[in-house]
Amino acid sequence: MKNEPQSSGLPASQQRCKVWILILAVMTFAAPNCSILAQDNQPVQLIFDTDIGNDCDDVLALGMIHALQSRGECELLAVTITKDHELAAAFTDAVNTFYGRGEIPIGVCDSGVTPQAGKFNVLASETRDGQQRYPHDLTSSKQAEPAVDLLRKTLAAADDGSVVIAQVGFSTNLADLLASPADSHSKLNGMELIEQKVRLLSIMAGAFTQIRGDTGHLYDHKEYNIIKDIPAAKKLVEQWPTPIVWSGFEIGKNLTYPHQSILQDYDYVDHHPLAEAYTLYNPPPHDRPTWDLTSVLYAVRPNSGYFKLSAAGLVSVADDGLTTHTEKEGGRDRYLIIPDEYKPRTTEALVLLSSQPPQQVGN
């Protein structure tokens, strides 16, 4: 899909990307209540916990994190994975390497949850002329660290109250972290370590309004990230000690990713892992809901006016996976709200960030 080189200047796609980046910068600083960095004016220290391979929005969210890091707004400390397949870590490493950050540590689970390869993680095993199509060093999850060990090591090395976790998959890893004992990384148990180091958990899970079905009826939605590991989700809501902001199923449904961007905005290289993952998962003209991107956007830019927040309260998870938010003054949990008038600006931010080219285009 790459454009042919022009006789002078940059290809049109790269010119377009530069213009979009400038527009986003102006748009962000003009936004109400803007605060793109953490409260201490330092990049957000971010851990990304993902079930990458089960949907293409995880991949777009990871690309968005790299764009935000290139802008100096966050630092991706680690990626932990809740999809239990060996190519999930390899594909994650391929995406990180594409963006010039192949050194980012990756942790994996051993849960048996969604053990299938997925539609696009197989890209990590494909070759072209004897070479990896997407270069990477981590060829199997067997070479990666256990997720809980990586989480404990990463948190122990962080400043107190500095870490934001964006969880966009199952609660498997964070529930296991809560239950972890003291070890060589920290004398604190998991609960104590989270309480000392984590500032916010931004989580894509649950549903906090009724969802309108294909036939127009409203129903109570039992969301995928919850129901695939209900015991872990229940443990998280019962024990997590720091503030949580939830992006429910209804948020992503209201912020679909325009497929025209997939066809046009990633063509600065012949092969792009984000565009290819999206196409393999559900090809254009499908406009995919942007569930996971919203949790990343809020995690890094919580005060930039992309969403409203619910009243404080507590979220509970029923035995069948249904989530409920009960208002309570001073409660730990809030959930995102997307008014209609916010949708164009928020969608634009998601598209511009996820399609931003790496600082150094590698292929």
Foldseek 3Di string as FASTA:
>chain_A
DADDDDPDDGPPLVVVLVVLVVVLVVLQVPFPLFDLAPPVPAAAEEEEEEQPQAALLSVLQVLLVLLCVVVRLHDHQAYEHAAQEWLRVLLVLLQCVQLVRSVRAYAYEDDPQNHDRHQASCLSVDADPPHRPRDHDRSTNVPHHHLLVSVLLSLLPAQWLRHEYEYEAALVNLLVLQQAADDPRGNHGSQVSCNGRHAEYQYEAAAEAWDQDPVGDTDQDQTDNCQSCVVSVQSCLVRRDHAYEYEYPVNLVLQWAQLVLLVRNQNNDVDDSSSVSNCSNPRPPDGGRNRSNVSSSCRRTVRSPLWDKDAAFGWHADPNRHIYTDHDVVHRYIYTHGDPVSRVVNNSSSSSSSSNRRPDRDD
